[in-house]
C-alpha atoms as a PDB file:
ATOM      1  CA  MET A   1       5.984   8.295 -17.023  1.00  0.00           C
ATOM      2  CA  PHE A   2       2.444   6.978 -17.425  1.00  0.00           C
ATOM      3  CA  LEU A   3       3.544   3.386 -16.765  1.00  0.00           C
ATOM      4  CA  THR A   4       5.442   4.538 -13.673  1.00  0.00           C
ATOM      5  CA  LEU A   5       2.304   6.223 -12.339  1.00  0.00           C
ATOM      6  CA  ILE A   6       0.301   3.037 -12.916  1.00  0.00           C
ATOM      7  CA  VAL A   7       2.903   1.088 -10.941  1.00  0.00           C
ATOM      8  CA  TYR A   8       2.725   3.616  -8.069  1.00  0.00           C
ATOM      9  CA  PHE A   9      -1.069   3.403  -8.090  1.00  0.00           C
ATOM     10  CA  LEU A  10      -1.038  -0.406  -7.975  1.00  0.00           C
ATOM     11  CA  ALA A  11       1.628  -0.361  -5.265  1.00  0.00           C
ATOM     12  CA  GLY A  12      -0.642   1.908  -3.221  1.00  0.00           C
ATOM     13  CA  VAL A  13      -3.574  -0.476  -3.666  1.00  0.00           C
ATOM     14  CA  PHE A  14      -1.423  -3.438  -2.654  1.00  0.00           C
ATOM     15  CA  GLN A  15       0.082  -1.593   0.300  1.00  0.00           C
ATOM     16  CA  ASP A  16      -3.254  -0.637   1.774  1.00  0.00           C
ATOM     17  CA  ILE A  17      -4.705  -4.109   1.356  1.00  0.00           C
ATOM     18  CA  LEU A  18      -1.664  -5.364   3.287  1.00  0.00           C
ATOM     19  CA  PHE A  19      -2.159  -2.652   5.920  1.00  0.00           C
ATOM     20  CA  THR A  20      -5.830  -3.550   6.356  1.00  0.00           C
ATOM     21  CA  LEU A  21      -4.887  -7.206   6.673  1.00  0.00           C
ATOM     22  CA  ASN A  22      -2.332  -6.232   9.300  1.00  0.00           C
ATOM     23  CA  ILE A  23      -4.961  -4.477  11.408  1.00  0.00           C
ATOM     24  CA  ARG A  24      -7.294  -7.452  11.125  1.00  0.00           C
ATOM     25  CA  TYR A  25      -4.556  -9.950  12.027  1.00  0.00           C
ATOM     26  CA  VAL A  26      -3.507  -7.898  15.042  1.00  0.00           C
ATOM     27  CA  SER A  27      -7.097  -7.698  16.267  1.00  0.00           C
ATOM     28  CA  LYS A  28      -7.459 -11.486  15.934  1.00  0.00           C
ATOM     29  CA  GLY A  29      -4.157 -12.203  17.689  1.00  0.00           C
ATOM     30  CA  LYS A  30      -2.580 -13.862  14.638  1.00  0.00           C
ATOM     31  CA  THR A  31       0.997 -12.914  15.462  1.00  0.00           C
ATOM     32  CA  PHE A  32       2.881 -14.396  12.522  1.00  0.00           C
ATOM     33  CA  LEU A  33       0.467 -13.032   9.912  1.00  0.00           C
ATOM     34  CA  ALA A  34       0.438  -9.622  11.635  1.00  0.00           C
ATOM     35  CA  VAL A  35       4.239  -9.455  11.615  1.00  0.00           C
ATOM     36  CA  LEU A  36       4.455 -10.591   7.986  1.00  0.00           C
ATOM     37  CA  SER A  37       1.840  -8.143   6.729  1.00  0.00           C
ATOM     38  CA  SER A  38       3.438  -5.315   8.730  1.00  0.00           C
ATOM     39  CA  PHE A  39       6.862  -6.090   7.266  1.00  0.00           C
ATOM     40  CA  LEU A  40       5.528  -6.215   3.697  1.00  0.00           C
ATOM     41  CA  THR A  41       3.548  -2.988   4.165  1.00  0.00           C
ATOM     42  CA  VAL A  42       6.647  -1.106   5.247  1.00  0.00           C
ATOM     43  CA  ILE A  43       8.781  -2.601   2.473  1.00  0.00           C
ATOM     44  CA  VAL A  44       6.297  -1.556  -0.224  1.00  0.00           C
ATOM     45  CA  SER A  45       5.862   1.965   1.144  1.00  0.00           C
ATOM     46  CA  MET A  46       9.586   2.593   1.627  1.00  0.00           C
ATOM     47  CA  ILE A  47      10.499   1.326  -1.843  1.00  0.00           C
ATOM     48  CA  VAL A  48       7.863   3.512  -3.485  1.00  0.00           C
ATOM     49  CA  LEU A  49       8.734   6.609  -1.477  1.00  0.00           C
ATOM     50  CA  TYR A  50      12.473   6.089  -1.970  1.00  0.00           C
ATOM     51  CA  ASN A  51      11.918   5.759  -5.693  1.00  0.00           C
ATOM     52  CA  ILE A  52       9.757   8.890  -5.838  1.00  0.00           C
ATOM     53  CA  VAL A  53      12.302  10.954  -3.906  1.00  0.00           C
ATOM     54  CA  THR A  54      15.394   9.768  -5.768  1.00  0.00           C
ATOM     55  CA  GLN A  55      14.137   9.201  -9.314  1.00  0.00           C
ATOM     56  CA  LEU A  56      11.558  11.909 -10.009  1.00  0.00           C
ATOM     57  CA  GLY A  57      11.824  15.695 -10.163  1.00  0.00           C
ATOM     58  CA  ASP A  58       9.784  18.169  -8.152  1.00  0.00           C
ATOM     59  CA  GLN A  59       6.771  18.359 -10.461  1.00  0.00           C
ATOM     60  CA  ARG A  60       6.565  14.674 -11.355  1.00  0.00           C
ATOM     61  CA  GLY A  61       7.200  13.717  -7.730  1.00  0.00           C
ATOM     62  CA  ILE A  62       4.103  15.557  -6.546  1.00  0.00           C
ATOM     63  CA  VAL A  63       1.984  13.879  -9.221  1.00  0.00           C
ATOM     64  CA  ALA A  64       3.434  10.475  -8.284  1.00  0.00           C
ATOM     65  CA  ILE A  65       2.644  11.041  -4.590  1.00  0.00           C
ATOM     66  CA  ILE A  66      -0.952  11.979  -5.446  1.00  0.00           C
ATOM     67  CA  VAL A  67      -1.336   8.896  -7.666  1.00  0.00           C
ATOM     68  CA  TYR A  68       0.195   6.708  -4.927  1.00  0.00           C
ATOM     69  CA  ALA A  69      -2.210   8.177  -2.351  1.00  0.00           C
ATOM     70  CA  ALA A  70      -5.128   7.518  -4.712  1.00  0.00           C
ATOM     71  CA  GLY A  71      -3.999   3.898  -4.952  1.00  0.00           C
ATOM     72  CA  ILE A  72      -3.942   3.677  -1.163  1.00  0.00           C
ATOM     73  CA  ALA A  73      -7.506   5.029  -1.038  1.00  0.00           C
ATOM     74  CA  VAL A  74      -8.664   2.469  -3.619  1.00  0.00           C
ATOM     75  CA  GLY A  75      -6.866  -0.254  -1.638  1.00  0.00           C
ATOM     76  CA  THR A  76      -8.823   0.736   1.461  1.00  0.00           C
ATOM     77  CA  PHE A  77     -12.067   0.546  -0.491  1.00  0.00           C
ATOM     78  CA  PHE A  78     -11.279  -2.917  -1.885  1.00  0.00           C
ATOM     79  CA  ALA A  79     -10.068  -4.271   1.438  1.00  0.00           C
ATOM     80  CA  MET A  80     -13.199  -3.068   3.201  1.00  0.00           C
ATOM     81  CA  LYS A  81     -15.589  -4.313   0.519  1.00  0.00           C
ATOM     82  CA  LEU A  82     -13.928  -7.698  -0.016  1.00  0.00           C
ATOM     83  CA  LYS A  83     -13.648  -8.474   3.711  1.00  0.00           C
ATOM     84  CA  ILE A  84     -10.136  -9.839   3.161  1.00  0.00           C
ATOM     85  CA  GLY A  85      -8.690 -11.478   6.282  1.00  0.00           C
ATOM     86  CA  LEU A  86     -11.964 -11.730   8.204  1.00  0.00           C
ATOM     87  CA  LYS A  87     -12.547 -15.476   7.854  1.00  0.00           C
ATOM     88  CA  GLU A  88     -11.633 -17.658  10.822  1.00  0.00           C
END
């Protein structure tokens, strides 16, 4: 279970970095990169949520959702601090 939670956390980090990139690409008018990052963001989130709903029980599912949300928060922090996607 611990390894699964680590994977959910890392997926959350990755997802939010992709989401932040998507917002930056949209604001810069980079259509292809915006579409690609949007697609990947949705794929990651749907796979994780599908897995949580179908593979985990009630108690472990809540913990997994909290760990996933924490990963998303850390992803936001890294994306904002690293200024990913801001170079011309």
